[in-house]
Structure formats: C-alpha cells, structure tokens
PDB file of all heavy atoms in Angstrom:
ATOM      1  N   VAL A   1       0.838  -1.195   0.000  1.00  0.00           N
ATOM      2  CA  VAL A   1       0.000   0.000   0.000  1.00  0.00           C
ATOM      3  C   VAL A   1       0.875   1.249   0.000  1.00  0.00           C
ATOM      4  O   VAL A   1       2.011   1.222   0.462  1.00  0.00           O
ATOM      5  CB  VAL A   1      -0.978   0.047   1.198  1.00  0.00           C
ATOM      6  CG1 VAL A   1      -1.974  -1.099   1.138  1.00  0.00           C
ATOM      7  CG2 VAL A   1      -0.255   0.081   2.523  1.00  0.00           C
ATOM      8  N   ALA A   2       0.283   2.342  -0.506  1.00  0.00           N
ATOM      9  CA  ALA A   2       0.961   3.639  -0.536  1.00  0.00           C
ATOM     10  C   ALA A   2       0.271   4.574   0.441  1.00  0.00           C
ATOM     11  O   ALA A   2      -0.922   4.830   0.332  1.00  0.00           O
ATOM     12  CB  ALA A   2       0.905   4.233  -1.940  1.00  0.00           C
ATOM     13  N   THR A   3       1.021   5.054   1.403  1.00  0.00           N
ATOM     14  CA  THR A   3       0.549   6.152   2.239  1.00  0.00           C
ATOM     15  C   THR A   3       1.091   7.408   1.567  1.00  0.00           C
ATOM     16  O   THR A   3       2.304   7.590   1.482  1.00  0.00           O
ATOM     17  CB  THR A   3       1.049   6.015   3.685  1.00  0.00           C
ATOM     18  OG1 THR A   3       0.569   4.783   4.212  1.00  0.00           O
ATOM     19  CG2 THR A   3       0.556   7.163   4.542  1.00  0.00           C
ATOM     20  N   ILE A   4       0.180   8.229   1.046  1.00  0.00           N
ATOM     21  CA  ILE A   4       0.571   9.391   0.246  1.00  0.00           C
ATOM     22  C   ILE A   4       0.253  10.661   1.018  1.00  0.00           C
ATOM     23  O   ILE A   4      -0.902  10.911   1.373  1.00  0.00           O
ATOM     24  CB  ILE A   4      -0.163   9.398  -1.106  1.00  0.00           C
ATOM     25  CG1 ILE A   4       0.130   8.102  -1.872  1.00  0.00           C
ATOM     26  CG2 ILE A   4       0.226  10.624  -1.925  1.00  0.00           C
ATOM     27  CD1 ILE A   4      -0.723   7.904  -3.114  1.00  0.00           C
ATOM     28  N   ILE A   5       1.280  11.438   1.284  1.00  0.00           N
ATOM     29  CA  ILE A   5       1.142  12.721   1.962  1.00  0.00           C
ATOM     30  C   ILE A   5       1.336  13.825   0.927  1.00  0.00           C
ATOM     31  O   ILE A   5       2.329  13.841   0.209  1.00  0.00           O
ATOM     32  CB  ILE A   5       2.209  12.898   3.073  1.00  0.00           C
ATOM     33  CG1 ILE A   5       2.192  11.737   4.056  1.00  0.00           C
ATOM     34  CG2 ILE A   5       2.065  14.260   3.752  1.00  0.00           C
ATOM     35  CD1 ILE A   5       0.998  11.631   4.938  1.00  0.00           C
ATOM     36  N   SER A   6       0.359  14.719   0.853  1.00  0.00           N
ATOM     37  CA  SER A   6       0.486  15.917   0.029  1.00  0.00           C
ATOM     38  C   SER A   6       0.924  17.040   0.955  1.00  0.00           C
ATOM     39  O   SER A   6       0.302  17.270   1.996  1.00  0.00           O
ATOM     40  CB  SER A   6      -0.863  16.252  -0.615  1.00  0.00           C
ATOM     41  OG  SER A   6      -0.807  17.537  -1.179  1.00  0.00           O
ATOM     42  N   CYS A   7       1.991  17.736   0.596  1.00  0.00           N
ATOM     43  CA  CYS A   7       2.575  18.734   1.490  1.00  0.00           C
ATOM     44  C   CYS A   7       1.913  20.106   1.411  1.00  0.00           C
ATOM     45  O   CYS A   7       2.016  20.886   2.357  1.00  0.00           O
ATOM     46  CB  CYS A   7       4.078  18.850   1.212  1.00  0.00           C
ATOM     47  SG  CYS A   7       4.937  17.290   1.575  1.00  0.00           S
ATOM     48  N   ALA A   8       1.282  20.437   0.311  1.00  0.00           N
ATOM     49  CA  ALA A   8       0.709  21.779   0.158  1.00  0.00           C
ATOM     50  C   ALA A   8      -0.714  21.685  -0.352  1.00  0.00           C
ATOM     51  O   ALA A   8      -1.026  20.783  -1.139  1.00  0.00           O
ATOM     52  CB  ALA A   8       1.568  22.606  -0.802  1.00  0.00           C
ATOM     53  N   PRO A   9      -1.612  22.542   0.045  1.00  0.00           N
ATOM     54  CA  PRO A   9      -1.336  23.715   0.870  1.00  0.00           C
ATOM     55  C   PRO A   9      -1.095  23.370   2.339  1.00  0.00           C
ATOM     56  O   PRO A   9      -0.334  24.049   3.021  1.00  0.00           O
ATOM     57  CB  PRO A   9      -2.587  24.581   0.713  1.00  0.00           C
ATOM     58  CG  PRO A   9      -3.678  23.622   0.370  1.00  0.00           C
ATOM     59  CD  PRO A   9      -3.012  22.491  -0.383  1.00  0.00           C
ATOM     60  N   GLU A  10      -1.726  22.344   2.880  1.00  0.00           N
ATOM     61  CA  GLU A  10      -1.490  21.831   4.235  1.00  0.00           C
ATOM     62  C   GLU A  10      -1.151  20.354   4.103  1.00  0.00           C
ATOM     63  O   GLU A  10      -1.649  19.692   3.208  1.00  0.00           O
ATOM     64  CB  GLU A  10      -2.750  21.981   5.102  1.00  0.00           C
ATOM     65  CG  GLU A  10      -3.192  23.405   5.334  1.00  0.00           C
ATOM     66  CD  GLU A  10      -2.193  24.185   6.172  1.00  0.00           C
ATOM     67  OE1 GLU A  10      -1.574  23.607   7.083  1.00  0.00           O
ATOM     68  OE2 GLU A  10      -2.023  25.384   5.887  1.00  0.00           O
ATOM     69  N   PRO A  11      -0.349  19.796   5.009  1.00  0.00           N
ATOM     70  CA  PRO A  11      -0.070  18.361   4.931  1.00  0.00           C
ATOM     71  C   PRO A  11      -1.359  17.552   5.094  1.00  0.00           C
ATOM     72  O   PRO A  11      -2.095  17.724   6.058  1.00  0.00           O
ATOM     73  CB  PRO A  11       0.885  18.104   6.090  1.00  0.00           C
ATOM     74  CG  PRO A  11       1.452  19.435   6.441  1.00  0.00           C
ATOM     75  CD  PRO A  11       0.400  20.442   6.093  1.00  0.00           C
ATOM     76  N   GLU A  12      -1.623  16.700   4.093  1.00  0.00           N
ATOM     77  CA  GLU A  12      -2.816  15.861   4.080  1.00  0.00           C
ATOM     78  C   GLU A  12      -2.438  14.457   3.640  1.00  0.00           C
ATOM     79  O   GLU A  12      -1.463  14.270   2.923  1.00  0.00           O
ATOM     80  CB  GLU A  12      -3.855  16.411   3.107  1.00  0.00           C
ATOM     81  CG  GLU A  12      -4.370  17.791   3.441  1.00  0.00           C
ATOM     82  CD  GLU A  12      -5.311  18.343   2.386  1.00  0.00           C
ATOM     83  OE1 GLU A  12      -4.999  18.247   1.180  1.00  0.00           O
ATOM     84  OE2 GLU A  12      -6.367  18.859   2.776  1.00  0.00           O
ATOM     85  N   VAL A  13      -3.248  13.491   4.055  1.00  0.00           N
ATOM     86  CA  VAL A  13      -3.032  12.101   3.675  1.00  0.00           C
ATOM     87  C   VAL A  13      -4.244  11.618   2.881  1.00  0.00           C
ATOM     88  O   VAL A  13      -5.376  11.954   3.200  1.00  0.00           O
ATOM     89  CB  VAL A  13      -2.761  11.208   4.910  1.00  0.00           C
ATOM     90  CG1 VAL A  13      -3.943  11.186   5.861  1.00  0.00           C
ATOM     91  CG2 VAL A  13      -2.360   9.805   4.500  1.00  0.00           C
ATOM     92  N   LEU A  14      -3.976  10.826   1.858  1.00  0.00           N
ATOM     93  CA  LEU A  14      -5.023  10.294   0.996  1.00  0.00           C
ATOM     94  C   LEU A  14      -5.553   8.972   1.536  1.00  0.00           C
ATOM     95  O   LEU A  14      -4.768   8.072   1.851  1.00  0.00           O
ATOM     96  CB  LEU A  14      -4.488  10.071  -0.420  1.00  0.00           C
ATOM     97  CG  LEU A  14      -5.440   9.396  -1.410  1.00  0.00           C
ATOM     98  CD1 LEU A  14      -6.626  10.308  -1.727  1.00  0.00           C
ATOM     99  CD2 LEU A  14      -4.696   9.024  -2.687  1.00  0.00           C
ATOM    100  N   VAL A  15      -6.890   8.874   1.625  1.00  0.00           N
ATOM    101  CA  VAL A  15      -7.542   7.594   1.903  1.00  0.00           C
ATOM    102  C   VAL A  15      -8.616   7.373   0.851  1.00  0.00           C
ATOM    103  O   VAL A  15      -9.211   8.320   0.340  1.00  0.00           O
ATOM    104  CB  VAL A  15      -8.147   7.520   3.327  1.00  0.00           C
ATOM    105  CG1 VAL A  15      -7.063   7.442   4.383  1.00  0.00           C
ATOM    106  CG2 VAL A  15      -9.098   8.669   3.595  1.00  0.00           C
ATOM    107  N   LEU A  16      -8.820   6.114   0.508  1.00  0.00           N
ATOM    108  CA  LEU A  16      -9.835   5.721  -0.466  1.00  0.00           C
ATOM    109  C   LEU A  16     -10.883   4.892   0.256  1.00  0.00           C
ATOM    110  O   LEU A  16     -10.561   4.145   1.180  1.00  0.00           O
ATOM    111  CB  LEU A  16      -9.218   4.865  -1.575  1.00  0.00           C
ATOM    112  CG  LEU A  16      -8.004   5.416  -2.312  1.00  0.00           C
ATOM    113  CD1 LEU A  16      -7.490   4.389  -3.321  1.00  0.00           C
ATOM    114  CD2 LEU A  16      -8.329   6.729  -2.989  1.00  0.00           C
ATOM    115  N   LYS A  17     -12.128   4.999  -0.175  1.00  0.00           N
ATOM    116  CA  LYS A  17     -13.175   4.149   0.392  1.00  0.00           C
ATOM    117  C   LYS A  17     -13.536   3.084  -0.639  1.00  0.00           C
ATOM    118  O   LYS A  17     -13.914   3.399  -1.769  1.00  0.00           O
ATOM    119  CB  LYS A  17     -14.407   4.950   0.778  1.00  0.00           C
ATOM    120  CG  LYS A  17     -15.411   4.086   1.510  1.00  0.00           C
ATOM    121  CD  LYS A  17     -16.486   4.864   2.190  1.00  0.00           C
ATOM    122  CE  LYS A  17     -17.338   3.896   2.992  1.00  0.00           C
ATOM    123  NZ  LYS A  17     -18.574   4.491   3.419  1.00  0.00           N
ATOM    124  N   ARG A  18     -13.407   1.840  -0.221  1.00  0.00           N
ATOM    125  CA  ARG A  18     -13.697   0.712  -1.096  1.00  0.00           C
ATOM    126  C   ARG A  18     -15.204   0.576  -1.292  1.00  0.00           C
ATOM    127  O   ARG A  18     -15.973   0.789  -0.366  1.00  0.00           O
ATOM    128  CB  ARG A  18     -13.112  -0.565  -0.508  1.00  0.00           C
ATOM    129  CG  ARG A  18     -11.604  -0.467  -0.310  1.00  0.00           C
ATOM    130  CD  ARG A  18     -11.066  -1.659   0.445  1.00  0.00           C
ATOM    131  NE  ARG A  18     -11.177  -2.866  -0.333  1.00  0.00           N
ATOM    132  CZ  ARG A  18     -10.269  -3.284  -1.211  1.00  0.00           C
ATOM    133  NH1 ARG A  18      -9.184  -2.597  -1.412  1.00  0.00           N
ATOM    134  NH2 ARG A  18     -10.454  -4.403  -1.868  1.00  0.00           N
ATOM    135  N   LYS A  19     -15.606   0.208  -2.511  1.00  0.00           N
ATOM    136  CA  LYS A  19     -17.025  -0.041  -2.786  1.00  0.00           C
ATOM    137  C   LYS A  19     -17.482  -1.296  -2.050  1.00  0.00           C
ATOM    138  O   LYS A  19     -16.685  -2.178  -1.769  1.00  0.00           O
ATOM    139  CB  LYS A  19     -17.242  -0.241  -4.288  1.00  0.00           C
ATOM    140  CG  LYS A  19     -17.347   1.048  -5.037  1.00  0.00           C
ATOM    141  CD  LYS A  19     -17.958   0.820  -6.395  1.00  0.00           C
ATOM    142  CE  LYS A  19     -18.275   2.167  -7.004  1.00  0.00           C
ATOM    143  NZ  LYS A  19     -18.830   2.044  -8.324  1.00  0.00           N
ATOM    144  N   SER A  20     -18.770  -1.357  -1.789  1.00  0.00           N
ATOM    145  CA  SER A  20     -19.335  -2.552  -1.160  1.00  0.00           C
ATOM    146  C   SER A  20     -19.285  -3.711  -2.142  1.00  0.00           C
ATOM    147  O   SER A  20     -19.671  -3.571  -3.298  1.00  0.00           O
ATOM    148  CB  SER A  20     -20.779  -2.288  -0.732  1.00  0.00           C
ATOM    149  OG  SER A  20     -20.799  -1.336   0.294  1.00  0.00           O
ATOM    150  N   ASN A  21     -18.789  -4.842  -1.664  1.00  0.00           N
ATOM    151  CA  ASN A  21     -18.649  -6.047  -2.477  1.00  0.00           C
ATOM    152  C   ASN A  21     -18.686  -7.242  -1.532  1.00  0.00           C
ATOM    153  O   ASN A  21     -17.813  -7.375  -0.686  1.00  0.00           O
ATOM    154  CB  ASN A  21     -17.327  -6.004  -3.261  1.00  0.00           C
ATOM    155  CG  ASN A  21     -17.096  -7.239  -4.097  1.00  0.00           C
ATOM    156  OD1 ASN A  21     -17.734  -8.275  -3.930  1.00  0.00           O
ATOM    157  ND2 ASN A  21     -16.152  -7.134  -5.004  1.00  0.00           N
ATOM    158  N   PRO A  22     -19.671  -8.125  -1.662  1.00  0.00           N
ATOM    159  CA  PRO A  22     -19.781  -9.249  -0.729  1.00  0.00           C
ATOM    160  C   PRO A  22     -18.578 -10.195  -0.763  1.00  0.00           C
ATOM    161  O   PRO A  22     -18.356 -10.933   0.192  1.00  0.00           O
ATOM    162  CB  PRO A  22     -21.061  -9.964  -1.163  1.00  0.00           C
ATOM    163  CG  PRO A  22     -21.394  -9.445  -2.514  1.00  0.00           C
ATOM    164  CD  PRO A  22     -20.736  -8.109  -2.666  1.00  0.00           C
ATOM    165  N   ARG A  23     -17.788 -10.177  -1.816  1.00  0.00           N
ATOM    166  CA  ARG A  23     -16.609 -11.055  -1.898  1.00  0.00           C
ATOM    167  C   ARG A  23     -15.357 -10.409  -1.302  1.00  0.00           C
ATOM    168  O   ARG A  23     -14.315 -11.041  -1.228  1.00  0.00           O
ATOM    169  CB  ARG A  23     -16.340 -11.454  -3.346  1.00  0.00           C
ATOM    170  CG  ARG A  23     -17.453 -12.323  -3.925  1.00  0.00           C
ATOM    171  CD  ARG A  23     -17.201 -12.640  -5.366  1.00  0.00           C
ATOM    172  NE  ARG A  23     -17.213 -11.367  -6.103  1.00  0.00           N
ATOM    173  CZ  ARG A  23     -16.768 -11.193  -7.323  1.00  0.00           C
ATOM    174  NH1 ARG A  23     -16.262 -12.185  -7.986  1.00  0.00           N
ATOM    175  NH2 ARG A  23     -16.840 -10.021  -7.908  1.00  0.00           N
ATOM    176  N   ASP A  24     -15.454  -9.137  -0.891  1.00  0.00           N
ATOM    177  CA  ASP A  24     -14.301  -8.405  -0.372  1.00  0.00           C
ATOM    178  C   ASP A  24     -14.447  -8.236   1.138  1.00  0.00           C
ATOM    179  O   ASP A  24     -15.360  -7.556   1.594  1.00  0.00           O
ATOM    180  CB  ASP A  24     -14.233  -7.029  -1.059  1.00  0.00           C
ATOM    181  CG  ASP A  24     -13.090  -6.168  -0.573  1.00  0.00           C
ATOM    182  OD1 ASP A  24     -12.304  -6.608   0.304  1.00  0.00           O
ATOM    183  OD2 ASP A  24     -12.982  -5.033  -1.067  1.00  0.00           O
ATOM    184  N   PRO A  25     -13.547  -8.844   1.928  1.00  0.00           N
ATOM    185  CA  PRO A  25     -13.665  -8.714   3.384  1.00  0.00           C
ATOM    186  C   PRO A  25     -13.453  -7.281   3.880  1.00  0.00           C
ATOM    187  O   PRO A  25     -13.831  -6.952   4.991  1.00  0.00           O
ATOM    188  CB  PRO A  25     -12.589  -9.657   3.927  1.00  0.00           C
ATOM    189  CG  PRO A  25     -11.639  -9.858   2.810  1.00  0.00           C
ATOM    190  CD  PRO A  25     -12.424  -9.680   1.528  1.00  0.00           C
ATOM    191  N   TRP A  26     -12.864  -6.419   3.065  1.00  0.00           N
ATOM    192  CA  TRP A  26     -12.640  -5.022   3.439  1.00  0.00           C
ATOM    193  C   TRP A  26     -13.626  -4.100   2.730  1.00  0.00           C
ATOM    194  O   TRP A  26     -13.434  -2.903   2.636  1.00  0.00           O
ATOM    195  CB  TRP A  26     -11.199  -4.623   3.148  1.00  0.00           C
ATOM    196  CG  TRP A  26     -10.246  -5.386   4.009  1.00  0.00           C
ATOM    197  CD1 TRP A  26      -9.941  -5.121   5.307  1.00  0.00           C
ATOM    198  CD2 TRP A  26      -9.491  -6.543   3.656  1.00  0.00           C
ATOM    199  NE1 TRP A  26      -9.049  -6.055   5.788  1.00  0.00           N
ATOM    200  CE2 TRP A  26      -8.750  -6.932   4.788  1.00  0.00           C
ATOM    201  CE3 TRP A  26      -9.377  -7.306   2.490  1.00  0.00           C
ATOM    202  CZ2 TRP A  26      -7.922  -8.045   4.795  1.00  0.00           C
ATOM    203  CZ3 TRP A  26      -8.534  -8.401   2.508  1.00  0.00           C
ATOM    204  CH2 TRP A  26      -7.824  -8.769   3.639  1.00  0.00           C
ATOM    205  N   SER A  27     -14.716  -4.673   2.272  1.00  0.00           N
ATOM    206  CA  SER A  27     -15.762  -3.952   1.558  1.00  0.00           C
ATOM    207  C   SER A  27     -16.266  -2.761   2.365  1.00  0.00           C
ATOM    208  O   SER A  27     -16.566  -2.881   3.552  1.00  0.00           O
ATOM    209  CB  SER A  27     -16.909  -4.924   1.285  1.00  0.00           C
ATOM    210  OG  SER A  27     -17.988  -4.286   0.687  1.00  0.00           O
ATOM    211  N   GLY A  28     -16.336  -1.593   1.724  1.00  0.00           N
ATOM    212  CA  GLY A  28     -16.863  -0.395   2.361  1.00  0.00           C
ATOM    213  C   GLY A  28     -15.924   0.272   3.335  1.00  0.00           C
ATOM    214  O   GLY A  28     -16.274   1.270   3.944  1.00  0.00           O
TER     215      GLY A  28
END
C-alpha cells in the first residue's frame, strides 16, 4: 500500500473508500 502525503497547501493524507462487495472482506 501507498501512504501518500500531500505537502501543500497543508499536509494531508489520501484515503480511499472501497465499494461494497460481498466477496471483499474489506468492503466499504
């Protein structure tokens, strides 16, 4: 996995939300 920090304008981190999928244990 990539933890991505954007430095400007303020330091922020990117997170993605996975779509709901009954075959994916990390769904949603």
